[in-house]
Amino acid sequence: MAKKKQKHILRLDDLSGTPGFVLTGLQTNQALYKLAFDFNRLFHWDLHLQQDLNVIRKNKKVAFENYATSENATGQKIRLVNNEILLTVSHPNTLFDTDEAYYLFPKLQSFNYILILPEEEGYSFKDLQQNFIVAYPTKFIEVNSTRCGTVFPVFPV
């Protein structure tokens, strides 16, 4: 009689310790390149545009912009990613088109952008809130990465 294979499901709740990074959600009307510029200016980072993250959402291939710094001593990067894109849906028999939203992190739909900080960088959520002083409204929201219930994309090298 053949042995039945056991199925093991790994949940984020099962992991001991911290995930090694800090997730921060951002809500703002500014473009991603402006945010990257301001983070570079205020925190002396070197965020630069990376290859788009191509993922499948609602049976469509969609591309999300992302910025990253150079690798630190342990090979990690700070990342600023677009979490939401709007694609125009045309309606041929009507006067108006509509937009459909797609999310890189579908469980985090209230954020336009996500900032991913390796813990080794030493920045806290409070540091970001206090030191990101710009002329446009930006709201930072701390994300509990062990509770967000989502899968991280594979970032291109």
N, C-alpha and C. Protein backbone atom coordinates (compact mmCIF):
# COMPACT_ATOMS: atom_id res chain seq x y z
N MET A 1 0.84 -1.18 0.00
CA MET A 1 0.00 0.00 0.00
C MET A 1 0.89 1.25 0.00
N ALA A 2 0.61 2.16 -0.89
CA ALA A 2 1.42 3.38 -1.02
C ALA A 2 1.18 4.30 0.16
N LYS A 3 2.28 4.94 0.60
CA LYS A 3 2.16 5.90 1.71
C LYS A 3 1.54 7.18 1.20
N LYS A 4 0.64 7.71 1.99
CA LYS A 4 0.00 8.96 1.64
C LYS A 4 0.92 10.12 2.01
N LYS A 5 1.14 11.04 1.08
CA LYS A 5 1.99 12.19 1.34
C LYS A 5 1.26 13.12 2.29
N GLN A 6 2.01 13.65 3.25
CA GLN A 6 1.44 14.61 4.18
C GLN A 6 1.58 16.01 3.60
N LYS A 7 0.56 16.78 3.84
CA LYS A 7 0.54 18.14 3.35
C LYS A 7 0.82 19.06 4.54
N HIS A 8 1.81 19.94 4.39
CA HIS A 8 2.15 20.90 5.43
C HIS A 8 1.87 22.29 4.91
N ILE A 9 1.11 23.05 5.64
CA ILE A 9 0.79 24.42 5.26
C ILE A 9 1.53 25.36 6.20
N LEU A 10 2.33 26.25 5.63
CA LEU A 10 3.08 27.21 6.42
C LEU A 10 2.31 28.52 6.45
N ARG A 11 1.96 28.95 7.63
CA ARG A 11 1.26 30.22 7.81
C ARG A 11 2.22 31.22 8.43
N LEU A 12 2.03 32.49 8.11
CA LEU A 12 2.89 33.51 8.69
C LEU A 12 2.80 33.52 10.21
N ASP A 13 1.64 33.15 10.77
CA ASP A 13 1.49 33.09 12.22
C ASP A 13 2.41 32.05 12.85
N ASP A 14 2.79 31.03 12.07
CA ASP A 14 3.62 29.94 12.57
C ASP A 14 5.09 30.31 12.66
N LEU A 15 5.47 31.37 11.99
CA LEU A 15 6.87 31.75 11.96
C LEU A 15 7.27 32.41 13.27
N SER A 16 8.39 31.99 13.79
CA SER A 16 8.86 32.63 15.02
C SER A 16 9.76 33.80 14.65
N GLY A 17 9.79 34.81 15.48
CA GLY A 17 10.65 35.96 15.21
C GLY A 17 9.98 36.94 14.28
N THR A 18 10.77 37.87 13.80
CA THR A 18 10.25 38.90 12.92
C THR A 18 10.56 38.55 11.47
N PRO A 19 9.82 39.11 10.53
CA PRO A 19 10.03 38.77 9.13
C PRO A 19 11.30 39.37 8.52
N GLY A 20 11.94 40.33 9.19
CA GLY A 20 13.17 40.92 8.67
C GLY A 20 12.98 42.20 7.88
N PHE A 21 11.74 42.65 7.77
CA PHE A 21 11.47 43.89 7.06
C PHE A 21 10.27 44.58 7.72
N VAL A 22 10.15 45.86 7.42
CA VAL A 22 9.04 46.67 7.92
C VAL A 22 8.23 47.13 6.72
N LEU A 23 6.93 46.90 6.78
CA LEU A 23 6.03 47.36 5.71
C LEU A 23 5.31 48.61 6.17
N THR A 24 5.29 49.61 5.30
CA THR A 24 4.55 50.84 5.58
C THR A 24 3.71 51.17 4.35
N GLY A 25 2.43 51.38 4.58
CA GLY A 25 1.53 51.79 3.52
C GLY A 25 1.49 53.30 3.41
N LEU A 26 1.37 53.80 2.20
CA LEU A 26 1.28 55.25 1.98
C LEU A 26 0.01 55.57 1.21
N GLN A 27 -0.64 56.64 1.64
CA GLN A 27 -1.79 57.17 0.93
C GLN A 27 -1.46 58.61 0.54
N THR A 28 -1.44 58.87 -0.75
CA THR A 28 -1.17 60.21 -1.26
C THR A 28 -1.63 60.29 -2.71
N ASN A 29 -1.77 61.51 -3.20
CA ASN A 29 -2.14 61.71 -4.60
C ASN A 29 -0.93 61.96 -5.48
N GLN A 30 0.26 61.99 -4.90
CA GLN A 30 1.48 62.26 -5.66
C GLN A 30 1.90 61.03 -6.48
N ALA A 31 2.60 61.29 -7.55
CA ALA A 31 3.12 60.22 -8.40
C ALA A 31 4.27 59.52 -7.68
N LEU A 32 4.51 58.28 -8.04
CA LEU A 32 5.54 57.47 -7.40
C LEU A 32 6.93 58.08 -7.56
N TYR A 33 7.22 58.65 -8.72
CA TYR A 33 8.55 59.23 -8.93
C TYR A 33 8.79 60.43 -8.01
N LYS A 34 7.73 61.18 -7.68
CA LYS A 34 7.87 62.31 -6.76
C LYS A 34 8.15 61.82 -5.34
N LEU A 35 7.47 60.75 -4.94
CA LEU A 35 7.75 60.16 -3.62
C LEU A 35 9.19 59.67 -3.55
N ALA A 36 9.64 58.98 -4.58
CA ALA A 36 11.01 58.47 -4.60
C ALA A 36 12.01 59.63 -4.50
N PHE A 37 11.75 60.70 -5.24
CA PHE A 37 12.63 61.86 -5.18
C PHE A 37 12.68 62.44 -3.76
N ASP A 38 11.52 62.57 -3.12
CA ASP A 38 11.47 63.14 -1.77
C ASP A 38 12.11 62.22 -0.73
N PHE A 39 11.93 60.91 -0.86
CA PHE A 39 12.62 59.99 0.06
C PHE A 39 14.14 60.11 -0.12
N ASN A 40 14.58 60.18 -1.36
CA ASN A 40 16.03 60.35 -1.62
C ASN A 40 16.55 61.64 -0.99
N ARG A 41 15.80 62.71 -1.16
CA ARG A 41 16.22 64.02 -0.65
C ARG A 41 16.22 64.06 0.87
N LEU A 42 15.19 63.53 1.49
CA LEU A 42 15.04 63.65 2.94
C LEU A 42 15.82 62.60 3.74
N PHE A 43 15.98 61.39 3.19
CA PHE A 43 16.63 60.31 3.93
C PHE A 43 17.98 59.92 3.34
N HIS A 44 18.38 60.59 2.26
CA HIS A 44 19.66 60.32 1.59
C HIS A 44 19.75 58.88 1.09
N TRP A 45 18.63 58.40 0.54
CA TRP A 45 18.60 57.09 -0.08
C TRP A 45 18.99 57.25 -1.54
N ASP A 46 19.12 56.16 -2.24
CA ASP A 46 19.39 56.22 -3.68
C ASP A 46 18.34 55.42 -4.45
N LEU A 47 17.07 55.67 -4.15
CA LEU A 47 15.99 54.98 -4.86
C LEU A 47 16.08 55.32 -6.35
N HIS A 48 16.01 54.29 -7.17
CA HIS A 48 15.99 54.51 -8.61
C HIS A 48 15.04 53.51 -9.25
N LEU A 49 14.50 53.88 -10.39
CA LEU A 49 13.49 53.09 -11.07
C LEU A 49 14.05 51.72 -11.46
N GLN A 50 13.27 50.70 -11.18
CA GLN A 50 13.62 49.32 -11.50
C GLN A 50 12.72 48.81 -12.62
N GLN A 51 12.99 47.61 -13.04
CA GLN A 51 12.13 46.94 -14.01
C GLN A 51 10.75 46.76 -13.40
N ASP A 52 9.69 46.96 -14.20
CA ASP A 52 8.33 46.80 -13.69
C ASP A 52 8.11 45.40 -13.14
N LEU A 53 7.24 45.32 -12.14
CA LEU A 53 6.82 44.02 -11.60
C LEU A 53 5.60 43.58 -12.40
N ASN A 54 5.74 42.51 -13.16
CA ASN A 54 4.64 42.01 -13.97
C ASN A 54 3.97 40.85 -13.24
N VAL A 55 2.69 41.00 -12.99
CA VAL A 55 1.92 39.97 -12.29
C VAL A 55 0.59 39.78 -12.99
N ILE A 56 -0.06 38.68 -12.69
CA ILE A 56 -1.38 38.39 -13.24
C ILE A 56 -2.41 38.73 -12.18
N ARG A 57 -3.34 39.61 -12.53
CA ARG A 57 -4.44 39.99 -11.66
C ARG A 57 -5.72 39.95 -12.48
N LYS A 58 -6.73 39.25 -11.98
CA LYS A 58 -8.03 39.14 -12.66
C LYS A 58 -7.84 38.68 -14.11
N ASN A 59 -6.95 37.71 -14.29
CA ASN A 59 -6.65 37.12 -15.60
C ASN A 59 -6.05 38.11 -16.59
N LYS A 60 -5.44 39.18 -16.10
CA LYS A 60 -4.74 40.14 -16.96
C LYS A 60 -3.32 40.31 -16.45
N LYS A 61 -2.40 40.49 -17.39
CA LYS A 61 -1.02 40.79 -17.02
C LYS A 61 -0.94 42.29 -16.80
N VAL A 62 -0.56 42.68 -15.57
CA VAL A 62 -0.44 44.09 -15.25
C VAL A 62 0.96 44.37 -14.72
N ALA A 63 1.42 45.60 -14.92
CA ALA A 63 2.78 45.98 -14.53
C ALA A 63 2.72 47.07 -13.47
N PHE A 64 3.51 46.89 -12.42
CA PHE A 64 3.58 47.84 -11.32
C PHE A 64 4.97 48.45 -11.28
N GLU A 65 5.03 49.78 -11.22
CA GLU A 65 6.30 50.48 -11.09
C GLU A 65 6.89 50.23 -9.71
N ASN A 66 8.21 50.22 -9.64
CA ASN A 66 8.86 50.11 -8.34
C ASN A 66 10.23 50.74 -8.39
N TYR A 67 10.63 51.27 -7.24
CA TYR A 67 11.94 51.89 -7.05
C TYR A 67 12.67 51.11 -5.98
N ALA A 68 13.99 51.04 -6.10
CA ALA A 68 14.79 50.34 -5.09
C ALA A 68 16.13 51.04 -4.93
N THR A 69 16.72 50.84 -3.76
CA THR A 69 18.05 51.36 -3.49
C THR A 69 19.08 50.31 -3.92
N SER A 70 20.33 50.66 -3.82
CA SER A 70 21.39 49.68 -4.01
C SER A 70 21.35 48.69 -2.83
N GLU A 71 21.94 47.54 -3.01
CA GLU A 71 21.94 46.53 -1.95
C GLU A 71 22.77 46.99 -0.76
N ASN A 72 22.29 46.65 0.44
CA ASN A 72 23.08 46.93 1.64
C ASN A 72 24.09 45.79 1.85
N ALA A 73 24.75 45.76 2.99
CA ALA A 73 25.80 44.77 3.25
C ALA A 73 25.28 43.33 3.24
N THR A 74 23.99 43.16 3.54
CA THR A 74 23.43 41.80 3.56
C THR A 74 22.65 41.48 2.28
N GLY A 75 22.75 42.34 1.27
CA GLY A 75 22.12 42.08 -0.02
C GLY A 75 20.66 42.49 -0.12
N GLN A 76 20.17 43.27 0.84
CA GLN A 76 18.78 43.71 0.82
C GLN A 76 18.67 45.13 0.28
N LYS A 77 17.48 45.46 -0.19
CA LYS A 77 17.21 46.78 -0.75
C LYS A 77 15.99 47.38 -0.08
N ILE A 78 15.97 48.71 0.00
CA ILE A 78 14.75 49.42 0.35
C ILE A 78 13.94 49.50 -0.93
N ARG A 79 12.64 49.24 -0.84
CA ARG A 79 11.79 49.27 -2.03
C ARG A 79 10.58 50.16 -1.80
N LEU A 80 10.24 50.90 -2.82
CA LEU A 80 9.03 51.71 -2.85
C LEU A 80 8.25 51.23 -4.07
N VAL A 81 7.10 50.62 -3.84
CA VAL A 81 6.36 50.00 -4.94
C VAL A 81 4.97 50.59 -5.09
N ASN A 82 4.53 50.63 -6.31
CA ASN A 82 3.17 51.05 -6.63
C ASN A 82 2.25 49.89 -6.27
N ASN A 83 1.27 50.12 -5.43
CA ASN A 83 0.36 49.06 -5.04
C ASN A 83 -0.92 49.06 -5.85
N GLU A 84 -1.22 50.17 -6.50
CA GLU A 84 -2.50 50.31 -7.20
C GLU A 84 -2.29 50.90 -8.58
N ILE A 85 -2.88 50.26 -9.57
CA ILE A 85 -2.90 50.86 -10.90
C ILE A 85 -4.34 50.84 -11.40
N LEU A 86 -4.67 51.82 -12.19
CA LEU A 86 -6.00 51.91 -12.78
C LEU A 86 -5.88 51.72 -14.28
N LEU A 87 -6.63 50.79 -14.80
CA LEU A 87 -6.66 50.55 -16.24
C LEU A 87 -8.02 50.97 -16.77
N THR A 88 -8.01 51.69 -17.87
CA THR A 88 -9.24 52.18 -18.46
C THR A 88 -9.98 51.05 -19.16
N VAL A 89 -11.26 50.97 -18.88
CA VAL A 89 -12.13 50.00 -19.54
C VAL A 89 -13.08 50.79 -20.42
N SER A 90 -12.97 50.56 -21.73
CA SER A 90 -13.84 51.32 -22.64
C SER A 90 -15.18 50.61 -22.80
N HIS A 91 -16.20 51.39 -22.93
CA HIS A 91 -17.56 50.89 -23.13
C HIS A 91 -18.05 51.46 -24.46
N PRO A 92 -18.05 50.65 -25.51
CA PRO A 92 -18.32 51.16 -26.85
C PRO A 92 -19.70 51.78 -27.05
N ASN A 93 -20.69 51.36 -26.29
CA ASN A 93 -22.05 51.87 -26.50
C ASN A 93 -22.43 53.00 -25.54
N THR A 94 -21.43 53.55 -24.84
CA THR A 94 -21.71 54.64 -23.92
C THR A 94 -20.73 55.79 -24.18
N LEU A 95 -21.00 56.92 -23.57
CA LEU A 95 -20.13 58.08 -23.73
C LEU A 95 -18.91 58.03 -22.82
N PHE A 96 -18.99 57.26 -21.74
CA PHE A 96 -17.94 57.31 -20.73
C PHE A 96 -17.21 55.98 -20.59
N ASP A 97 -15.93 56.10 -20.29
CA ASP A 97 -15.12 54.93 -19.96
C ASP A 97 -15.00 54.87 -18.44
N THR A 98 -14.65 53.72 -17.93
CA THR A 98 -14.44 53.58 -16.49
C THR A 98 -13.03 53.05 -16.25
N ASP A 99 -12.61 53.15 -15.02
CA ASP A 99 -11.30 52.62 -14.63
C ASP A 99 -11.50 51.44 -13.71
N GLU A 100 -10.65 50.43 -13.88
CA GLU A 100 -10.67 49.26 -13.00
C GLU A 100 -9.35 49.22 -12.25
N ALA A 101 -9.43 49.03 -10.94
CA ALA A 101 -8.24 49.03 -10.08
C ALA A 101 -7.67 47.62 -9.97
N TYR A 102 -6.33 47.55 -10.01
CA TYR A 102 -5.59 46.31 -9.79
C TYR A 102 -4.57 46.59 -8.71
N TYR A 103 -4.34 45.61 -7.82
CA TYR A 103 -3.47 45.80 -6.67
C TYR A 103 -2.34 44.77 -6.66
N LEU A 104 -1.13 45.25 -6.37
CA LEU A 104 0.00 44.34 -6.21
C LEU A 104 -0.21 43.48 -4.98
N PHE A 105 -0.63 44.10 -3.87
CA PHE A 105 -0.98 43.41 -2.63
C PHE A 105 -2.49 43.50 -2.46
N PRO A 106 -3.25 42.53 -2.97
CA PRO A 106 -4.71 42.63 -2.95
C PRO A 106 -5.32 42.79 -1.55
N LYS A 107 -4.65 42.31 -0.52
CA LYS A 107 -5.17 42.44 0.84
C LYS A 107 -4.91 43.83 1.42
N LEU A 108 -4.14 44.65 0.73
CA LEU A 108 -3.79 45.99 1.23
C LEU A 108 -4.31 47.07 0.27
N GLN A 109 -5.58 47.00 -0.06
CA GLN A 109 -6.15 47.88 -1.08
C GLN A 109 -6.30 49.33 -0.65
N SER A 110 -6.12 49.64 0.61
CA SER A 110 -6.28 51.03 1.03
C SER A 110 -5.02 51.86 0.81
N PHE A 111 -3.95 51.24 0.29
CA PHE A 111 -2.69 51.95 0.09
C PHE A 111 -2.39 52.13 -1.39
N ASN A 112 -1.94 53.36 -1.75
CA ASN A 112 -1.48 53.60 -3.12
C ASN A 112 -0.10 52.97 -3.33
N TYR A 113 0.74 53.11 -2.30
CA TYR A 113 2.13 52.68 -2.39
C TYR A 113 2.51 51.91 -1.13
N ILE A 114 3.52 51.06 -1.27
CA ILE A 114 4.06 50.30 -0.15
C ILE A 114 5.56 50.55 -0.08
N LEU A 115 6.04 50.85 1.12
CA LEU A 115 7.47 51.01 1.37
C LEU A 115 7.93 49.78 2.13
N ILE A 116 8.94 49.10 1.60
CA ILE A 116 9.48 47.89 2.23
C ILE A 116 10.89 48.20 2.70
N LEU A 117 11.06 48.20 4.01
CA LEU A 117 12.35 48.55 4.62
C LEU A 117 12.95 47.35 5.33
N PRO A 118 14.17 46.95 4.96
CA PRO A 118 14.84 45.91 5.75
C PRO A 118 15.07 46.42 7.17
N GLU A 119 14.88 45.56 8.16
CA GLU A 119 15.04 45.98 9.56
C GLU A 119 16.45 46.48 9.84
N GLU A 120 17.45 45.95 9.13
CA GLU A 120 18.84 46.37 9.35
C GLU A 120 19.09 47.84 9.04
N GLU A 121 18.20 48.45 8.26
CA GLU A 121 18.39 49.85 7.90
C GLU A 121 18.18 50.77 9.09
N GLY A 122 17.46 50.30 10.11
CA GLY A 122 17.31 51.06 11.34
C GLY A 122 16.24 52.14 11.33
N TYR A 123 15.38 52.17 10.32
CA TYR A 123 14.30 53.15 10.28
C TYR A 123 13.05 52.57 10.93
N SER A 124 12.41 53.38 11.73
CA SER A 124 11.16 52.95 12.35
C SER A 124 10.01 53.68 11.66
N PHE A 125 8.83 53.21 11.93
CA PHE A 125 7.63 53.85 11.41
C PHE A 125 7.56 55.30 11.88
N LYS A 126 7.91 55.52 13.14
CA LYS A 126 7.89 56.86 13.72
C LYS A 126 8.89 57.79 13.01
N ASP A 127 10.10 57.26 12.67
CA ASP A 127 11.09 58.05 11.94
C ASP A 127 10.52 58.54 10.61
N LEU A 128 9.83 57.65 9.91
CA LEU A 128 9.26 58.02 8.62
C LEU A 128 8.23 59.13 8.77
N GLN A 129 7.33 58.95 9.72
CA GLN A 129 6.28 59.95 9.92
C GLN A 129 6.84 61.31 10.31
N GLN A 130 7.81 61.33 11.19
CA GLN A 130 8.34 62.60 11.69
C GLN A 130 9.23 63.32 10.69
N ASN A 131 9.96 62.58 9.87
CA ASN A 131 10.97 63.19 9.01
C ASN A 131 10.57 63.35 7.55
N PHE A 132 9.44 62.78 7.16
CA PHE A 132 8.98 62.95 5.77
C PHE A 132 8.10 64.20 5.73
N ILE A 133 8.74 65.34 5.59
CA ILE A 133 8.06 66.63 5.60
C ILE A 133 8.06 67.19 4.19
N VAL A 134 6.86 67.19 3.60
CA VAL A 134 6.68 67.65 2.22
C VAL A 134 5.47 68.57 2.15
N ALA A 135 5.30 69.24 1.03
CA ALA A 135 4.23 70.22 0.87
C ALA A 135 2.89 69.59 0.48
N TYR A 136 2.85 68.30 0.24
CA TYR A 136 1.61 67.63 -0.15
C TYR A 136 1.20 66.64 0.95
N PRO A 137 -0.10 66.35 1.05
CA PRO A 137 -0.55 65.43 2.09
C PRO A 137 -0.13 63.99 1.80
N THR A 138 0.45 63.36 2.81
CA THR A 138 0.86 61.96 2.73
C THR A 138 0.56 61.30 4.07
N LYS A 139 -0.11 60.18 4.01
CA LYS A 139 -0.45 59.47 5.23
C LYS A 139 0.32 58.14 5.26
N PHE A 140 1.03 57.91 6.36
CA PHE A 140 1.77 56.66 6.58
C PHE A 140 0.93 55.76 7.46
N ILE A 141 0.84 54.49 7.11
CA ILE A 141 0.08 53.52 7.90
C ILE A 141 0.95 52.29 8.11
N GLU A 142 1.14 51.95 9.37
CA GLU A 142 1.97 50.80 9.72
C GLU A 142 1.22 49.52 9.37
N VAL A 143 1.93 48.57 8.75
CA VAL A 143 1.33 47.31 8.34
C VAL A 143 1.96 46.19 9.15
N ASN A 144 1.15 45.37 9.76
CA ASN A 144 1.64 44.19 10.46
C ASN A 144 1.84 43.11 9.42
N SER A 145 3.07 42.88 9.01
CA SER A 145 3.35 41.95 7.92
C SER A 145 2.99 40.52 8.26
N THR A 146 2.91 40.17 9.53
CA THR A 146 2.52 38.80 9.89
C THR A 146 1.02 38.61 9.82
N ARG A 147 0.27 39.70 9.67
CA ARG A 147 -1.18 39.62 9.61
C ARG A 147 -1.77 40.05 8.27
N CYS A 148 -0.93 40.45 7.33
CA CYS A 148 -1.48 40.99 6.09
C CYS A 148 -1.98 39.90 5.15
N GLY A 149 -1.60 38.65 5.37
CA GLY A 149 -2.15 37.53 4.62
C GLY A 149 -1.95 37.66 3.13
N THR A 150 -0.78 38.03 2.69
CA THR A 150 -0.56 38.17 1.25
C THR A 150 0.79 37.57 0.89
N VAL A 151 1.00 37.37 -0.37
CA VAL A 151 2.24 36.80 -0.87
C VAL A 151 3.05 37.94 -1.50
N PHE A 152 4.35 37.96 -1.23
CA PHE A 152 5.19 39.00 -1.81
C PHE A 152 5.62 38.60 -3.21
N PRO A 153 5.64 39.58 -4.10
CA PRO A 153 6.08 39.29 -5.47
C PRO A 153 7.58 39.01 -5.50
N VAL A 154 8.00 38.35 -6.55
CA VAL A 154 9.43 38.15 -6.76
C VAL A 154 9.93 39.37 -7.51
N PHE A 155 10.83 40.10 -6.87
CA PHE A 155 11.36 41.32 -7.48
C PHE A 155 12.46 40.95 -8.46
N PRO A 156 12.44 41.54 -9.67
CA PRO A 156 13.52 41.27 -10.63
C PRO A 156 14.85 41.77 -10.11
N VAL A 157 15.91 41.11 -10.51
CA VAL A 157 17.25 41.47 -10.05
C VAL A 157 17.70 42.73 -10.73
